[in-house]
Structures are given as structure tokens and as C-alpha cells.
């Protein structure tokens, strides 16, 4: 399968040009609020752009289809990066997936956030994600009816 690994901050028009060429989309979701996207990544309209891109990806490939060996042959796998102090935004992204995409979408909750580069300029995110926070976000996703988590 052809896998398109992306930040999720994609122009839906470009994604439409890829229709029929990509088997598995693997986008990230970081922020659910524009203020955070601008503050930490200088990414205006990130939530709007990312969500529209994910809608287009899902329209193209749908839910994951596994082969007999458990390998994804087709579908959407969304990676949600849990950022310290922004766990509510991770929950908002899970709610978006459950209500606007599919409760069967595959979701990887990423806990590998590390405060590098300029993270020290922002004390609220200058730490790793705790086990408690990870579990809280996971349980919230399950409470929404999301069924397909790839755990770390």
C-alpha cells in the first residue's frame, strides 16, 4: 500500500489531486484551537485546515481495512499528539473524530512529546506527558465510542 504520512496541515485541494494514488493516510492532529496552533507552531487556521484535510482523507479511503496478517491495506489512521497542558485539545480532536468522521476510525494517541527547540520558552508545555494524562485522554476517547486505538 501507498502510505501518506503527513502533519495534517494540508490543503484539501492538494489531497483531492492524490485521490486514487494513496491507500493509507496517516495524518497528525496537534491542536484543536487556533490560539494554540499560532502560539506554539505559527500555524494559522490549523484546526480548520486539519479537520477539512481529514474529512477529505476519510472520504477517499474510509476506515482501515486490514489484510489477513493484520496489515492496513487501506484507510485512515489519525495520530493525536497529546501536548502537556493541552490535553483538552486532544479530547476535542477525539470528539471531532467520533462525531464527524467515524467511531471506527483508527487512532494512535501519541505520548512521545518532548519539550525540545523553543519549548522552554513556554513553561506550560516544557514537560513530558504523564501516564495519568495519557490514560485520561484514552478513557475519554473510549467514552465517545471510539473503538480502534493503537496504544503506545
C-alpha atoms as a PDB file:
ATOM      1  CA  UNK A   1       0.000   0.000   0.000  1.00  0.00           C
ATOM      2  CA  UNK A   2       0.998   3.630  -0.551  1.00  0.00           C
ATOM      3  CA  UNK A   3       1.080   5.410   2.838  1.00  0.00           C
ATOM      4  CA  UNK A   4       0.901   9.204   3.033  1.00  0.00           C
ATOM      5  CA  UNK A   5       2.460  10.329   6.330  1.00  0.00           C
ATOM      6  CA  UNK A   6       1.508  13.953   6.955  1.00  0.00           C
ATOM      7  CA  UNK A   7       1.333  16.694   9.559  1.00  0.00           C
ATOM      8  CA  UNK A   8      -2.371  17.012   8.776  1.00  0.00           C
ATOM      9  CA  UNK A   9      -1.916  20.704   7.942  1.00  0.00           C
ATOM     10  CA  UNK A  10      -2.722  20.017   4.296  1.00  0.00           C
ATOM     11  CA  UNK A  11      -4.562  21.852   1.571  1.00  0.00           C
ATOM     12  CA  UNK A  12      -7.636  19.744   0.741  1.00  0.00           C
ATOM     13  CA  UNK A  13      -7.248  20.712  -2.933  1.00  0.00           C
ATOM     14  CA  UNK A  14      -3.834  19.032  -2.994  1.00  0.00           C
ATOM     15  CA  UNK A  15      -5.313  15.967  -1.313  1.00  0.00           C
ATOM     16  CA  UNK A  16      -8.007  15.788  -3.990  1.00  0.00           C
ATOM     17  CA  UNK A  17      -5.235  15.526  -6.584  1.00  0.00           C
ATOM     18  CA  UNK A  18      -3.965  12.447  -4.730  1.00  0.00           C
ATOM     19  CA  UNK A  19      -7.320  10.649  -4.925  1.00  0.00           C
ATOM     20  CA  UNK A  20      -6.749   7.115  -6.170  1.00  0.00           C
ATOM     21  CA  UNK A  21      -2.997   7.164  -5.509  1.00  0.00           C
ATOM     22  CA  UNK A  22      -2.932   6.878  -1.697  1.00  0.00           C
ATOM     23  CA  UNK A  23      -4.085   3.741   0.120  1.00  0.00           C
ATOM     24  CA  UNK A  24      -3.460   4.746   3.740  1.00  0.00           C
ATOM     25  CA  UNK A  25      -3.459   8.270   5.127  1.00  0.00           C
ATOM     26  CA  UNK A  26      -1.509   8.818   8.362  1.00  0.00           C
ATOM     27  CA  UNK A  27      -2.153  12.418   9.496  1.00  0.00           C
ATOM     28  CA  UNK A  28      -1.255  14.081  12.786  1.00  0.00           C
ATOM     29  CA  UNK A  29      -3.642  16.201  14.821  1.00  0.00           C
ATOM     30  CA  UNK A  30      -1.985  18.524  17.316  1.00  0.00           C
ATOM     31  CA  UNK A  31      -4.247  21.449  18.099  1.00  0.00           C
ATOM     32  CA  UNK A  32      -7.998  21.945  18.335  1.00  0.00           C
ATOM     33  CA  UNK A  33      -7.757  25.684  18.981  1.00  0.00           C
ATOM     34  CA  UNK A  34      -6.246  28.260  16.676  1.00  0.00           C
ATOM     35  CA  UNK A  35      -4.672  30.217  19.543  1.00  0.00           C
ATOM     36  CA  UNK A  36      -2.521  27.209  20.484  1.00  0.00           C
ATOM     37  CA  UNK A  37      -1.586  26.487  16.872  1.00  0.00           C
ATOM     38  CA  UNK A  38      -0.395  30.049  16.386  1.00  0.00           C
ATOM     39  CA  UNK A  39       1.351  30.285  19.762  1.00  0.00           C
ATOM     40  CA  UNK A  40       3.326  27.053  19.519  1.00  0.00           C
ATOM     41  CA  UNK A  41       3.629  26.366  15.774  1.00  0.00           C
ATOM     42  CA  UNK A  42       2.829  29.614  13.955  1.00  0.00           C
ATOM     43  CA  UNK A  43       0.107  27.687  12.097  1.00  0.00           C
ATOM     44  CA  UNK A  44      -2.898  29.935  11.445  1.00  0.00           C
ATOM     45  CA  UNK A  45      -6.211  28.183  10.832  1.00  0.00           C
ATOM     46  CA  UNK A  46      -4.618  24.855  11.863  1.00  0.00           C
ATOM     47  CA  UNK A  47      -7.773  23.269  13.357  1.00  0.00           C
ATOM     48  CA  UNK A  48      -9.937  24.256  10.390  1.00  0.00           C
ATOM     49  CA  UNK A  49      -7.375  23.191   7.774  1.00  0.00           C
ATOM     50  CA  UNK A  50      -6.504  19.938   9.536  1.00  0.00           C
ATOM     51  CA  UNK A  51     -10.126  18.918  10.037  1.00  0.00           C
ATOM     52  CA  UNK A  52     -11.033  19.653   6.426  1.00  0.00           C
ATOM     53  CA  UNK A  53      -7.997  17.643   5.299  1.00  0.00           C
ATOM     54  CA  UNK A  54      -9.004  14.702   7.492  1.00  0.00           C
ATOM     55  CA  UNK A  55     -12.545  14.829   6.105  1.00  0.00           C
ATOM     56  CA  UNK A  56     -11.118  14.617   2.577  1.00  0.00           C
ATOM     57  CA  UNK A  57      -8.760  11.777   3.503  1.00  0.00           C
ATOM     58  CA  UNK A  58     -11.625   9.796   5.033  1.00  0.00           C
ATOM     59  CA  UNK A  59     -13.813  10.456   2.005  1.00  0.00           C
ATOM     60  CA  UNK A  60     -11.091   8.928  -0.165  1.00  0.00           C
ATOM     61  CA  UNK A  61     -10.059   5.865   1.849  1.00  0.00           C
ATOM     62  CA  UNK A  62     -12.605   5.324   4.644  1.00  0.00           C
ATOM     63  CA  UNK A  63     -11.979   3.198   7.703  1.00  0.00           C
ATOM     64  CA  UNK A  64      -8.980   0.899   7.904  1.00  0.00           C
ATOM     65  CA  UNK A  65      -9.146  -2.397   6.059  1.00  0.00           C
ATOM     66  CA  UNK A  66      -6.684  -4.993   7.382  1.00  0.00           C
ATOM     67  CA  UNK A  67      -5.366  -7.961   5.449  1.00  0.00           C
ATOM     68  CA  UNK A  68      -5.153 -11.481   6.897  1.00  0.00           C
ATOM     69  CA  UNK A  69      -1.817 -10.596   8.545  1.00  0.00           C
ATOM     70  CA  UNK A  70      -3.212  -7.502  10.252  1.00  0.00           C
ATOM     71  CA  UNK A  71      -1.531  -5.015   7.899  1.00  0.00           C
ATOM     72  CA  UNK A  72      -3.518  -1.925   6.920  1.00  0.00           C
ATOM     73  CA  UNK A  73      -4.227  -2.133   3.190  1.00  0.00           C
ATOM     74  CA  UNK A  74      -6.440   0.934   3.054  1.00  0.00           C
ATOM     75  CA  UNK A  75      -7.885   3.561   5.365  1.00  0.00           C
ATOM     76  CA  UNK A  76      -7.302   6.480   7.688  1.00  0.00           C
ATOM     77  CA  UNK A  77      -5.144   6.256  10.827  1.00  0.00           C
ATOM     78  CA  UNK A  78      -5.098   9.519  12.806  1.00  0.00           C
ATOM     79  CA  UNK A  79      -2.263  10.270  15.218  1.00  0.00           C
ATOM     80  CA  UNK A  80      -3.212  12.634  18.021  1.00  0.00           C
ATOM     81  CA  UNK A  81      -0.260  14.220  19.769  1.00  0.00           C
ATOM     82  CA  UNK A  82      -1.007  14.822  23.436  1.00  0.00           C
ATOM     83  CA  UNK A  83       0.769  18.016  24.470  1.00  0.00           C
ATOM     84  CA  UNK A  84       1.140  18.902  28.179  1.00  0.00           C
ATOM     85  CA  UNK A  85      -1.437  21.485  29.296  1.00  0.00           C
ATOM     86  CA  UNK A  86      -3.330  20.939  26.023  1.00  0.00           C
ATOM     87  CA  UNK A  87      -4.968  17.620  26.870  1.00  0.00           C
ATOM     88  CA  UNK A  88      -8.408  19.220  26.479  1.00  0.00           C
ATOM     89  CA  UNK A  89      -7.490  19.920  22.866  1.00  0.00           C
ATOM     90  CA  UNK A  90      -6.590  16.258  22.360  1.00  0.00           C
ATOM     91  CA  UNK A  91     -10.048  15.436  23.716  1.00  0.00           C
ATOM     92  CA  UNK A  92     -11.654  17.938  21.329  1.00  0.00           C
ATOM     93  CA  UNK A  93      -9.867  16.236  18.444  1.00  0.00           C
ATOM     94  CA  UNK A  94     -11.150  12.849  19.606  1.00  0.00           C
ATOM     95  CA  UNK A  95     -14.669  14.272  19.780  1.00  0.00           C
ATOM     96  CA  UNK A  96     -14.304  15.558  16.205  1.00  0.00           C
ATOM     97  CA  UNK A  97     -13.246  12.101  15.013  1.00  0.00           C
ATOM     98  CA  UNK A  98     -16.088  10.349  16.856  1.00  0.00           C
ATOM     99  CA  UNK A  99     -18.822  12.727  15.728  1.00  0.00           C
ATOM    100  CA  UNK A 100     -17.719  13.841  12.268  1.00  0.00           C
ATOM    101  CA  UNK A 101     -15.537  11.034  10.910  1.00  0.00           C
ATOM    102  CA  UNK A 102     -16.286   7.574  12.338  1.00  0.00           C
ATOM    103  CA  UNK A 103     -16.264   5.763  15.665  1.00  0.00           C
ATOM    104  CA  UNK A 104     -14.371   3.028  13.799  1.00  0.00           C
ATOM    105  CA  UNK A 105     -11.507   5.301  12.709  1.00  0.00           C
ATOM    106  CA  UNK A 106      -8.100   4.071  13.873  1.00  0.00           C
ATOM    107  CA  UNK A 107      -6.483   6.446  16.374  1.00  0.00           C
ATOM    108  CA  UNK A 108      -2.975   6.467  17.771  1.00  0.00           C
ATOM    109  CA  UNK A 109      -2.575   8.583  20.899  1.00  0.00           C
ATOM    110  CA  UNK A 110       0.993   9.841  20.803  1.00  0.00           C
ATOM    111  CA  UNK A 111       2.659  10.305  24.145  1.00  0.00           C
ATOM    112  CA  UNK A 112       6.176  10.897  22.857  1.00  0.00           C
ATOM    113  CA  UNK A 113       6.006  14.691  23.082  1.00  0.00           C
ATOM    114  CA  UNK A 114       9.365  16.004  24.260  1.00  0.00           C
ATOM    115  CA  UNK A 115       9.986  19.665  25.129  1.00  0.00           C
ATOM    116  CA  UNK A 116      12.645  20.474  22.541  1.00  0.00           C
ATOM    117  CA  UNK A 117      13.689  23.505  20.497  1.00  0.00           C
ATOM    118  CA  UNK A 118      11.831  26.538  21.920  1.00  0.00           C
ATOM    119  CA  UNK A 119       9.521  24.617  24.267  1.00  0.00           C
ATOM    120  CA  UNK A 120      11.441  26.056  27.215  1.00  0.00           C
ATOM    121  CA  UNK A 121      10.053  29.461  26.206  1.00  0.00           C
ATOM    122  CA  UNK A 122       6.610  28.119  27.138  1.00  0.00           C
ATOM    123  CA  UNK A 123       6.704  26.679  30.692  1.00  0.00           C
ATOM    124  CA  UNK A 124       3.206  25.215  30.342  1.00  0.00           C
ATOM    125  CA  UNK A 125       4.404  22.744  27.676  1.00  0.00           C
ATOM    126  CA  UNK A 126       8.001  22.305  28.854  1.00  0.00           C
ATOM    127  CA  UNK A 127       7.467  18.801  30.252  1.00  0.00           C
ATOM    128  CA  UNK A 128       6.565  15.310  29.123  1.00  0.00           C
ATOM    129  CA  UNK A 129       3.077  13.804  29.147  1.00  0.00           C
ATOM    130  CA  UNK A 130       2.267  11.949  32.367  1.00  0.00           C
ATOM    131  CA  UNK A 131       0.854   8.421  32.432  1.00  0.00           C
ATOM    132  CA  UNK A 132      -2.217   9.811  34.192  1.00  0.00           C
ATOM    133  CA  UNK A 133      -2.856  12.350  31.428  1.00  0.00           C
ATOM    134  CA  UNK A 134      -2.407   9.706  28.728  1.00  0.00           C
ATOM    135  CA  UNK A 135      -4.901   7.387  30.449  1.00  0.00           C
ATOM    136  CA  UNK A 136      -7.380  10.224  30.960  1.00  0.00           C
ATOM    137  CA  UNK A 137      -7.339  11.125  27.250  1.00  0.00           C
ATOM    138  CA  UNK A 138      -7.604   7.447  26.251  1.00  0.00           C
ATOM    139  CA  UNK A 139     -10.585   6.859  28.558  1.00  0.00           C
ATOM    140  CA  UNK A 140     -12.282   9.953  27.197  1.00  0.00           C
ATOM    141  CA  UNK A 141     -11.886   8.636  23.650  1.00  0.00           C
ATOM    142  CA  UNK A 142     -13.345   5.295  24.663  1.00  0.00           C
ATOM    143  CA  UNK A 143     -16.273   7.054  26.355  1.00  0.00           C
ATOM    144  CA  UNK A 144     -17.066   8.645  22.975  1.00  0.00           C
ATOM    145  CA  UNK A 145     -17.404   5.186  21.453  1.00  0.00           C
ATOM    146  CA  UNK A 146     -14.092   5.206  19.603  1.00  0.00           C
ATOM    147  CA  UNK A 147     -13.067   1.552  19.302  1.00  0.00           C
ATOM    148  CA  UNK A 148      -9.787   1.311  17.431  1.00  0.00           C
ATOM    149  CA  UNK A 149      -6.898   2.671  19.444  1.00  0.00           C
ATOM    150  CA  UNK A 150      -3.287   1.853  18.676  1.00  0.00           C
ATOM    151  CA  UNK A 151      -1.635   2.238  22.076  1.00  0.00           C
ATOM    152  CA  UNK A 152       1.893   3.275  22.944  1.00  0.00           C
END
